Structure formats: structure tokens, C-alpha cells
ModelCIF file with pLDDT and N, C-alpha, C, O atoms, coordinates in Angstrom:
data_MODEL
#
_entry.id   MODEL 
#
_entity.id                         1 
_entity.type                       polymer 
_entity.pdbx_number_of_molecules   1 
#
_entity_poly.entity_id                      1 
_entity_poly.type                           'polypeptide(L)' 
_entity_poly.nstd_linkage                   no 
_entity_poly.nstd_monomer                   no 
_entity_poly.pdbx_seq_one_letter_code       
;(UNK)(UNK)(UNK)(UNK)(UNK)(UNK)(UNK)(UNK)(UNK)(UNK)(UNK)(UNK)(UNK)(UNK)(UNK)(UNK)
(UNK)(UNK)(UNK)(UNK)(UNK)(UNK)(UNK)(UNK)(UNK)(UNK)(UNK)(UNK)(UNK)(UNK)(UNK)(UNK)
(UNK)(UNK)(UNK)(UNK)(UNK)
;
_entity_poly.pdbx_seq_one_letter_code_can   XXXXXXXXXXXXXXXXXXXXXXXXXXXXXXXXXXXXX 
_entity_poly.pdbx_strand_id                 A 
#
loop_
_entity_poly_seq.entity_id 
_entity_poly_seq.num 
_entity_poly_seq.mon_id 
_entity_poly_seq.hetero 
1 1  UNK n 
1 2  UNK n 
1 3  UNK n 
1 4  UNK n 
1 5  UNK n 
1 6  UNK n 
1 7  UNK n 
1 8  UNK n 
1 9  UNK n 
1 10 UNK n 
1 11 UNK n 
1 12 UNK n 
1 13 UNK n 
1 14 UNK n 
1 15 UNK n 
1 16 UNK n 
1 17 UNK n 
1 18 UNK n 
1 19 UNK n 
1 20 UNK n 
1 21 UNK n 
1 22 UNK n 
1 23 UNK n 
1 24 UNK n 
1 25 UNK n 
1 26 UNK n 
1 27 UNK n 
1 28 UNK n 
1 29 UNK n 
1 30 UNK n 
1 31 UNK n 
1 32 UNK n 
1 33 UNK n 
1 34 UNK n 
1 35 UNK n 
1 36 UNK n 
1 37 UNK n 
#
_struct_asym.id          A 
_struct_asym.entity_id   1 
#
loop_
_ma_qa_metric.id 
_ma_qa_metric.mode 
_ma_qa_metric.name 
_ma_qa_metric.software_group_id 
_ma_qa_metric.type 
1 global pLDDT . pLDDT 
2 local  pLDDT . pLDDT 
#
_ma_qa_metric_global.metric_id      1 
_ma_qa_metric_global.metric_value   88.68 
_ma_qa_metric_global.model_id       1 
_ma_qa_metric_global.ordinal_id     1 
#
loop_
_ma_qa_metric_local.label_asym_id 
_ma_qa_metric_local.label_comp_id 
_ma_qa_metric_local.label_seq_id 
_ma_qa_metric_local.metric_id 
_ma_qa_metric_local.metric_value 
_ma_qa_metric_local.model_id 
_ma_qa_metric_local.ordinal_id 
A UNK 1  2 86.00 1 1  
A UNK 2  2 84.00 1 2  
A UNK 3  2 87.00 1 3  
A UNK 4  2 85.00 1 4  
A UNK 5  2 81.00 1 5  
A UNK 6  2 83.00 1 6  
A UNK 7  2 84.00 1 7  
A UNK 8  2 83.00 1 8  
A UNK 9  2 83.00 1 9  
A UNK 10 2 87.00 1 10 
A UNK 11 2 86.00 1 11 
A UNK 12 2 86.00 1 12 
A UNK 13 2 88.00 1 13 
A UNK 14 2 88.00 1 14 
A UNK 15 2 90.00 1 15 
A UNK 16 2 89.00 1 16 
A UNK 17 2 88.00 1 17 
A UNK 18 2 89.00 1 18 
A UNK 19 2 89.00 1 19 
A UNK 20 2 88.00 1 20 
A UNK 21 2 85.00 1 21 
A UNK 22 2 88.00 1 22 
A UNK 23 2 87.00 1 23 
A UNK 24 2 91.00 1 24 
A UNK 25 2 92.00 1 25 
A UNK 26 2 94.00 1 26 
A UNK 27 2 95.00 1 27 
A UNK 28 2 95.00 1 28 
A UNK 29 2 96.00 1 29 
A UNK 30 2 97.00 1 30 
A UNK 31 2 96.00 1 31 
A UNK 32 2 96.00 1 32 
A UNK 33 2 96.00 1 33 
A UNK 34 2 94.00 1 34 
A UNK 35 2 92.00 1 35 
A UNK 36 2 87.00 1 36 
A UNK 37 2 76.00 1 37 
#
loop_
_atom_site.group_PDB 
_atom_site.id 
_atom_site.type_symbol 
_atom_site.label_atom_id 
_atom_site.label_alt_id 
_atom_site.label_comp_id 
_atom_site.label_asym_id 
_atom_site.label_entity_id 
_atom_site.label_seq_id 
_atom_site.pdbx_PDB_ins_code 
_atom_site.Cartn_x 
_atom_site.Cartn_y 
_atom_site.Cartn_z 
_atom_site.occupancy 
_atom_site.B_iso_or_equiv 
_atom_site.pdbx_formal_charge 
_atom_site.auth_seq_id 
_atom_site.auth_comp_id 
_atom_site.auth_asym_id 
_atom_site.auth_atom_id 
_atom_site.pdbx_PDB_model_num 
ATOM 1   N N  . UNK A 1 1  ? 128.257 26.701 42.435 1.00 86.00 ? 1  UNK A N  1 
ATOM 2   C CA . UNK A 1 1  ? 128.410 27.307 43.901 1.00 86.00 ? 1  UNK A CA 1 
ATOM 3   C C  . UNK A 1 1  ? 128.259 28.372 43.925 1.00 86.00 ? 1  UNK A C  1 
ATOM 4   O O  . UNK A 1 1  ? 127.535 28.899 44.769 1.00 86.00 ? 1  UNK A O  1 
ATOM 5   N N  . UNK A 1 2  ? 128.842 28.980 43.081 1.00 84.00 ? 2  UNK A N  1 
ATOM 6   C CA . UNK A 1 2  ? 128.661 30.525 42.357 1.00 84.00 ? 2  UNK A CA 1 
ATOM 7   C C  . UNK A 1 2  ? 130.043 30.972 43.045 1.00 84.00 ? 2  UNK A C  1 
ATOM 8   O O  . UNK A 1 2  ? 130.897 30.094 43.169 1.00 84.00 ? 2  UNK A O  1 
ATOM 9   N N  . UNK A 1 3  ? 130.266 31.986 43.403 1.00 87.00 ? 3  UNK A N  1 
ATOM 10  C CA . UNK A 1 3  ? 132.095 33.008 43.147 1.00 87.00 ? 3  UNK A CA 1 
ATOM 11  C C  . UNK A 1 3  ? 131.772 33.421 44.919 1.00 87.00 ? 3  UNK A C  1 
ATOM 12  O O  . UNK A 1 3  ? 130.575 33.416 45.205 1.00 87.00 ? 3  UNK A O  1 
ATOM 13  N N  . UNK A 1 4  ? 132.381 33.634 45.639 1.00 85.00 ? 4  UNK A N  1 
ATOM 14  C CA . UNK A 1 4  ? 132.631 34.244 46.983 1.00 85.00 ? 4  UNK A CA 1 
ATOM 15  C C  . UNK A 1 4  ? 131.159 34.302 47.839 1.00 85.00 ? 4  UNK A C  1 
ATOM 16  O O  . UNK A 1 4  ? 131.055 35.382 48.420 1.00 85.00 ? 4  UNK A O  1 
ATOM 17  N N  . UNK A 1 5  ? 130.398 33.710 47.980 1.00 81.00 ? 5  UNK A N  1 
ATOM 18  C CA . UNK A 1 5  ? 128.760 33.780 48.105 1.00 81.00 ? 5  UNK A CA 1 
ATOM 19  C C  . UNK A 1 5  ? 127.930 34.645 47.290 1.00 81.00 ? 5  UNK A C  1 
ATOM 20  O O  . UNK A 1 5  ? 126.833 34.952 47.757 1.00 81.00 ? 5  UNK A O  1 
ATOM 21  N N  . UNK A 1 6  ? 128.421 35.300 45.624 1.00 83.00 ? 6  UNK A N  1 
ATOM 22  C CA . UNK A 1 6  ? 127.588 35.395 44.884 1.00 83.00 ? 6  UNK A CA 1 
ATOM 23  C C  . UNK A 1 6  ? 127.124 34.870 43.581 1.00 83.00 ? 6  UNK A C  1 
ATOM 24  O O  . UNK A 1 6  ? 127.553 34.449 42.507 1.00 83.00 ? 6  UNK A O  1 
ATOM 25  N N  . UNK A 1 7  ? 126.576 34.989 43.903 1.00 84.00 ? 7  UNK A N  1 
ATOM 26  C CA . UNK A 1 7  ? 125.930 33.930 42.699 1.00 84.00 ? 7  UNK A CA 1 
ATOM 27  C C  . UNK A 1 7  ? 124.391 34.683 41.685 1.00 84.00 ? 7  UNK A C  1 
ATOM 28  O O  . UNK A 1 7  ? 123.322 35.095 42.135 1.00 84.00 ? 7  UNK A O  1 
ATOM 29  N N  . UNK A 1 8  ? 124.883 34.614 40.211 1.00 83.00 ? 8  UNK A N  1 
ATOM 30  C CA . UNK A 1 8  ? 124.918 34.845 39.257 1.00 83.00 ? 8  UNK A CA 1 
ATOM 31  C C  . UNK A 1 8  ? 123.542 35.018 38.689 1.00 83.00 ? 8  UNK A C  1 
ATOM 32  O O  . UNK A 1 8  ? 122.900 34.048 39.090 1.00 83.00 ? 8  UNK A O  1 
ATOM 33  N N  . UNK A 1 9  ? 122.708 35.857 37.879 1.00 83.00 ? 9  UNK A N  1 
ATOM 34  C CA . UNK A 1 9  ? 121.483 35.285 37.047 1.00 83.00 ? 9  UNK A CA 1 
ATOM 35  C C  . UNK A 1 9  ? 121.306 34.595 35.968 1.00 83.00 ? 9  UNK A C  1 
ATOM 36  O O  . UNK A 1 9  ? 120.251 34.096 35.574 1.00 83.00 ? 9  UNK A O  1 
ATOM 37  N N  . UNK A 1 10 ? 122.903 34.545 35.214 1.00 87.00 ? 10 UNK A N  1 
ATOM 38  C CA . UNK A 1 10 ? 122.790 33.772 34.098 1.00 87.00 ? 10 UNK A CA 1 
ATOM 39  C C  . UNK A 1 10 ? 123.132 32.012 34.239 1.00 87.00 ? 10 UNK A C  1 
ATOM 40  O O  . UNK A 1 10 ? 123.690 31.415 35.159 1.00 87.00 ? 10 UNK A O  1 
ATOM 41  N N  . UNK A 1 11 ? 122.674 31.591 33.211 1.00 86.00 ? 11 UNK A N  1 
ATOM 42  C CA . UNK A 1 11 ? 123.119 30.582 33.452 1.00 86.00 ? 11 UNK A CA 1 
ATOM 43  C C  . UNK A 1 11 ? 124.931 30.028 33.500 1.00 86.00 ? 11 UNK A C  1 
ATOM 44  O O  . UNK A 1 11 ? 125.892 30.796 33.451 1.00 86.00 ? 11 UNK A O  1 
ATOM 45  N N  . UNK A 1 12 ? 124.982 28.787 33.588 1.00 86.00 ? 12 UNK A N  1 
ATOM 46  C CA . UNK A 1 12 ? 126.441 28.624 33.937 1.00 86.00 ? 12 UNK A CA 1 
ATOM 47  C C  . UNK A 1 12 ? 127.465 27.996 32.555 1.00 86.00 ? 12 UNK A C  1 
ATOM 48  O O  . UNK A 1 12 ? 128.663 27.811 32.337 1.00 86.00 ? 12 UNK A O  1 
ATOM 49  N N  . UNK A 1 13 ? 125.913 27.792 31.703 1.00 88.00 ? 13 UNK A N  1 
ATOM 50  C CA . UNK A 1 13 ? 126.970 27.520 30.258 1.00 88.00 ? 13 UNK A CA 1 
ATOM 51  C C  . UNK A 1 13 ? 127.180 28.508 29.252 1.00 88.00 ? 13 UNK A C  1 
ATOM 52  O O  . UNK A 1 13 ? 127.685 28.278 28.154 1.00 88.00 ? 13 UNK A O  1 
ATOM 53  N N  . UNK A 1 14 ? 126.646 29.976 29.791 1.00 88.00 ? 14 UNK A N  1 
ATOM 54  C CA . UNK A 1 14 ? 127.482 31.324 29.636 1.00 88.00 ? 14 UNK A CA 1 
ATOM 55  C C  . UNK A 1 14 ? 128.328 31.868 29.382 1.00 88.00 ? 14 UNK A C  1 
ATOM 56  O O  . UNK A 1 14 ? 128.549 32.833 28.651 1.00 88.00 ? 14 UNK A O  1 
ATOM 57  N N  . UNK A 1 15 ? 129.457 30.638 30.626 1.00 90.00 ? 15 UNK A N  1 
ATOM 58  C CA . UNK A 1 15 ? 130.737 31.140 31.217 1.00 90.00 ? 15 UNK A CA 1 
ATOM 59  C C  . UNK A 1 15 ? 131.155 29.579 30.001 1.00 90.00 ? 15 UNK A C  1 
ATOM 60  O O  . UNK A 1 15 ? 132.192 29.674 29.344 1.00 90.00 ? 15 UNK A O  1 
ATOM 61  N N  . UNK A 1 16 ? 130.500 28.615 29.879 1.00 89.00 ? 16 UNK A N  1 
ATOM 62  C CA . UNK A 1 16 ? 131.605 27.131 28.441 1.00 89.00 ? 16 UNK A CA 1 
ATOM 63  C C  . UNK A 1 16 ? 131.467 28.055 27.600 1.00 89.00 ? 16 UNK A C  1 
ATOM 64  O O  . UNK A 1 16 ? 132.431 28.482 26.966 1.00 89.00 ? 16 UNK A O  1 
ATOM 65  N N  . UNK A 1 17 ? 129.939 28.636 27.416 1.00 88.00 ? 17 UNK A N  1 
ATOM 66  C CA . UNK A 1 17 ? 129.996 29.753 25.696 1.00 88.00 ? 17 UNK A CA 1 
ATOM 67  C C  . UNK A 1 17 ? 131.188 30.140 25.392 1.00 88.00 ? 17 UNK A C  1 
ATOM 68  O O  . UNK A 1 17 ? 131.975 29.763 24.523 1.00 88.00 ? 17 UNK A O  1 
ATOM 69  N N  . UNK A 1 18 ? 131.265 31.249 26.517 1.00 89.00 ? 18 UNK A N  1 
ATOM 70  C CA . UNK A 1 18 ? 132.591 32.181 25.998 1.00 89.00 ? 18 UNK A CA 1 
ATOM 71  C C  . UNK A 1 18 ? 133.708 31.795 26.634 1.00 89.00 ? 18 UNK A C  1 
ATOM 72  O O  . UNK A 1 18 ? 134.282 32.741 27.175 1.00 89.00 ? 18 UNK A O  1 
ATOM 73  N N  . UNK A 1 19 ? 134.419 30.364 26.818 1.00 89.00 ? 19 UNK A N  1 
ATOM 74  C CA . UNK A 1 19 ? 135.411 29.988 26.642 1.00 89.00 ? 19 UNK A CA 1 
ATOM 75  C C  . UNK A 1 19 ? 135.375 29.378 24.993 1.00 89.00 ? 19 UNK A C  1 
ATOM 76  O O  . UNK A 1 19 ? 136.080 29.738 24.049 1.00 89.00 ? 19 UNK A O  1 
ATOM 77  N N  . UNK A 1 20 ? 134.807 28.830 25.010 1.00 88.00 ? 20 UNK A N  1 
ATOM 78  C CA . UNK A 1 20 ? 134.845 28.082 23.417 1.00 88.00 ? 20 UNK A CA 1 
ATOM 79  C C  . UNK A 1 20 ? 134.392 29.276 22.319 1.00 88.00 ? 20 UNK A C  1 
ATOM 80  O O  . UNK A 1 20 ? 134.465 29.011 21.119 1.00 88.00 ? 20 UNK A O  1 
ATOM 81  N N  . UNK A 1 21 ? 133.882 30.714 22.803 1.00 85.00 ? 21 UNK A N  1 
ATOM 82  C CA . UNK A 1 21 ? 133.715 31.261 21.284 1.00 85.00 ? 21 UNK A CA 1 
ATOM 83  C C  . UNK A 1 21 ? 134.396 32.728 21.585 1.00 85.00 ? 21 UNK A C  1 
ATOM 84  O O  . UNK A 1 21 ? 134.253 33.610 20.739 1.00 85.00 ? 21 UNK A O  1 
ATOM 85  N N  . UNK A 1 22 ? 135.049 32.957 22.648 1.00 88.00 ? 22 UNK A N  1 
ATOM 86  C CA . UNK A 1 22 ? 135.760 34.273 22.765 1.00 88.00 ? 22 UNK A CA 1 
ATOM 87  C C  . UNK A 1 22 ? 136.927 33.854 21.440 1.00 88.00 ? 22 UNK A C  1 
ATOM 88  O O  . UNK A 1 22 ? 137.432 32.767 21.161 1.00 88.00 ? 22 UNK A O  1 
ATOM 89  N N  . UNK A 1 23 ? 137.108 35.411 20.707 1.00 87.00 ? 23 UNK A N  1 
ATOM 90  C CA . UNK A 1 23 ? 138.752 35.415 20.278 1.00 87.00 ? 23 UNK A CA 1 
ATOM 91  C C  . UNK A 1 23 ? 139.370 36.284 21.096 1.00 87.00 ? 23 UNK A C  1 
ATOM 92  O O  . UNK A 1 23 ? 138.811 37.044 21.887 1.00 87.00 ? 23 UNK A O  1 
ATOM 93  N N  . UNK A 1 24 ? 140.495 36.174 20.911 1.00 91.00 ? 24 UNK A N  1 
ATOM 94  C CA . UNK A 1 24 ? 141.365 37.246 21.860 1.00 91.00 ? 24 UNK A CA 1 
ATOM 95  C C  . UNK A 1 24 ? 141.438 38.454 20.533 1.00 91.00 ? 24 UNK A C  1 
ATOM 96  O O  . UNK A 1 24 ? 141.380 38.174 19.335 1.00 91.00 ? 24 UNK A O  1 
ATOM 97  N N  . UNK A 1 25 ? 141.572 39.778 21.100 1.00 92.00 ? 25 UNK A N  1 
ATOM 98  C CA . UNK A 1 25 ? 141.771 40.876 20.301 1.00 92.00 ? 25 UNK A CA 1 
ATOM 99  C C  . UNK A 1 25 ? 143.053 41.769 20.723 1.00 92.00 ? 25 UNK A C  1 
ATOM 100 O O  . UNK A 1 25 ? 143.709 41.845 21.762 1.00 92.00 ? 25 UNK A O  1 
ATOM 101 N N  . UNK A 1 26 ? 143.133 42.482 19.321 1.00 94.00 ? 26 UNK A N  1 
ATOM 102 C CA . UNK A 1 26 ? 144.536 44.045 20.345 1.00 94.00 ? 26 UNK A CA 1 
ATOM 103 C C  . UNK A 1 26 ? 144.410 44.271 22.098 1.00 94.00 ? 26 UNK A C  1 
ATOM 104 O O  . UNK A 1 26 ? 145.364 44.573 22.816 1.00 94.00 ? 26 UNK A O  1 
ATOM 105 N N  . UNK A 1 27 ? 143.229 44.081 22.487 1.00 95.00 ? 27 UNK A N  1 
ATOM 106 C CA . UNK A 1 27 ? 142.826 44.895 23.684 1.00 95.00 ? 27 UNK A CA 1 
ATOM 107 C C  . UNK A 1 27 ? 142.774 43.793 24.908 1.00 95.00 ? 27 UNK A C  1 
ATOM 108 O O  . UNK A 1 27 ? 143.120 44.321 25.966 1.00 95.00 ? 27 UNK A O  1 
ATOM 109 N N  . UNK A 1 28 ? 142.466 42.537 25.029 1.00 95.00 ? 28 UNK A N  1 
ATOM 110 C CA . UNK A 1 28 ? 143.562 40.777 25.075 1.00 95.00 ? 28 UNK A CA 1 
ATOM 111 C C  . UNK A 1 28 ? 144.313 41.199 25.168 1.00 95.00 ? 28 UNK A C  1 
ATOM 112 O O  . UNK A 1 28 ? 144.524 41.662 26.289 1.00 95.00 ? 28 UNK A O  1 
ATOM 113 N N  . UNK A 1 29 ? 145.322 41.402 24.135 1.00 96.00 ? 29 UNK A N  1 
ATOM 114 C CA . UNK A 1 29 ? 146.815 41.160 24.524 1.00 96.00 ? 29 UNK A CA 1 
ATOM 115 C C  . UNK A 1 29 ? 148.052 42.756 25.222 1.00 96.00 ? 29 UNK A C  1 
ATOM 116 O O  . UNK A 1 29 ? 149.161 42.812 25.754 1.00 96.00 ? 29 UNK A O  1 
ATOM 117 N N  . UNK A 1 30 ? 147.197 43.580 24.872 1.00 97.00 ? 30 UNK A N  1 
ATOM 118 C CA . UNK A 1 30 ? 147.678 44.947 25.918 1.00 97.00 ? 30 UNK A CA 1 
ATOM 119 C C  . UNK A 1 30 ? 147.451 44.648 26.669 1.00 97.00 ? 30 UNK A C  1 
ATOM 120 O O  . UNK A 1 30 ? 148.481 44.651 27.342 1.00 97.00 ? 30 UNK A O  1 
ATOM 121 N N  . UNK A 1 31 ? 146.141 44.049 27.611 1.00 96.00 ? 31 UNK A N  1 
ATOM 122 C CA . UNK A 1 31 ? 146.076 43.495 29.185 1.00 96.00 ? 31 UNK A CA 1 
ATOM 123 C C  . UNK A 1 31 ? 147.138 41.928 29.435 1.00 96.00 ? 31 UNK A C  1 
ATOM 124 O O  . UNK A 1 31 ? 147.021 41.332 30.506 1.00 96.00 ? 31 UNK A O  1 
ATOM 125 N N  . UNK A 1 32 ? 147.786 41.577 28.721 1.00 96.00 ? 32 UNK A N  1 
ATOM 126 C CA . UNK A 1 32 ? 148.365 40.580 28.713 1.00 96.00 ? 32 UNK A CA 1 
ATOM 127 C C  . UNK A 1 32 ? 147.717 39.287 29.293 1.00 96.00 ? 32 UNK A C  1 
ATOM 128 O O  . UNK A 1 32 ? 148.152 38.314 29.909 1.00 96.00 ? 32 UNK A O  1 
ATOM 129 N N  . UNK A 1 33 ? 146.596 39.648 28.875 1.00 96.00 ? 33 UNK A N  1 
ATOM 130 C CA . UNK A 1 33 ? 145.774 38.180 28.999 1.00 96.00 ? 33 UNK A CA 1 
ATOM 131 C C  . UNK A 1 33 ? 145.607 36.922 28.287 1.00 96.00 ? 33 UNK A C  1 
ATOM 132 O O  . UNK A 1 33 ? 145.231 36.870 27.116 1.00 96.00 ? 33 UNK A O  1 
ATOM 133 N N  . UNK A 1 34 ? 145.940 35.728 29.129 1.00 94.00 ? 34 UNK A N  1 
ATOM 134 C CA . UNK A 1 34 ? 146.350 34.416 28.097 1.00 94.00 ? 34 UNK A CA 1 
ATOM 135 C C  . UNK A 1 34 ? 144.793 33.948 27.285 1.00 94.00 ? 34 UNK A C  1 
ATOM 136 O O  . UNK A 1 34 ? 143.600 33.850 27.571 1.00 94.00 ? 34 UNK A O  1 
ATOM 137 N N  . UNK A 1 35 ? 145.597 33.776 26.254 1.00 92.00 ? 35 UNK A N  1 
ATOM 138 C CA . UNK A 1 35 ? 144.196 33.006 24.960 1.00 92.00 ? 35 UNK A CA 1 
ATOM 139 C C  . UNK A 1 35 ? 143.523 31.830 25.516 1.00 92.00 ? 35 UNK A C  1 
ATOM 140 O O  . UNK A 1 35 ? 144.179 30.791 25.435 1.00 92.00 ? 35 UNK A O  1 
ATOM 141 N N  . UNK A 1 36 ? 142.807 31.781 25.854 1.00 87.00 ? 36 UNK A N  1 
ATOM 142 C CA . UNK A 1 36 ? 141.287 31.187 26.338 1.00 87.00 ? 36 UNK A CA 1 
ATOM 143 C C  . UNK A 1 36 ? 141.291 29.917 25.477 1.00 87.00 ? 36 UNK A C  1 
ATOM 144 O O  . UNK A 1 36 ? 140.988 28.938 26.158 1.00 87.00 ? 36 UNK A O  1 
ATOM 145 N N  . UNK A 1 37 ? 141.602 29.555 23.868 1.00 76.00 ? 37 UNK A N  1 
ATOM 146 C CA . UNK A 1 37 ? 142.030 28.403 23.472 1.00 76.00 ? 37 UNK A CA 1 
ATOM 147 C C  . UNK A 1 37 ? 143.317 27.609 24.079 1.00 76.00 ? 37 UNK A C  1 
ATOM 148 O O  . UNK A 1 37 ? 143.636 26.511 23.622 1.00 76.00 ? 37 UNK A O  1 
#
């Protein structure tokens, strides 16, 4: 459905793939980001 009226130019599968493959690092921790896993 897009995001706030904006539609990207890449497949939605990229989001699913990122969620499955991303490995947090020290910079994620410094920003206080929650582990996707």
C-alpha cells in the first residue's frame, strides 16, 4: 500500500528478506534499536 503516499521502486520481498537476514551490530545497539529476530 506504500507508506504515507510514497511507493518505492523495489519489491516488498526486500523488506521480508531484510527482516530475516539482518544481524544487529554495535551501531544498532548504540542507537537502541530492537533486534529484528
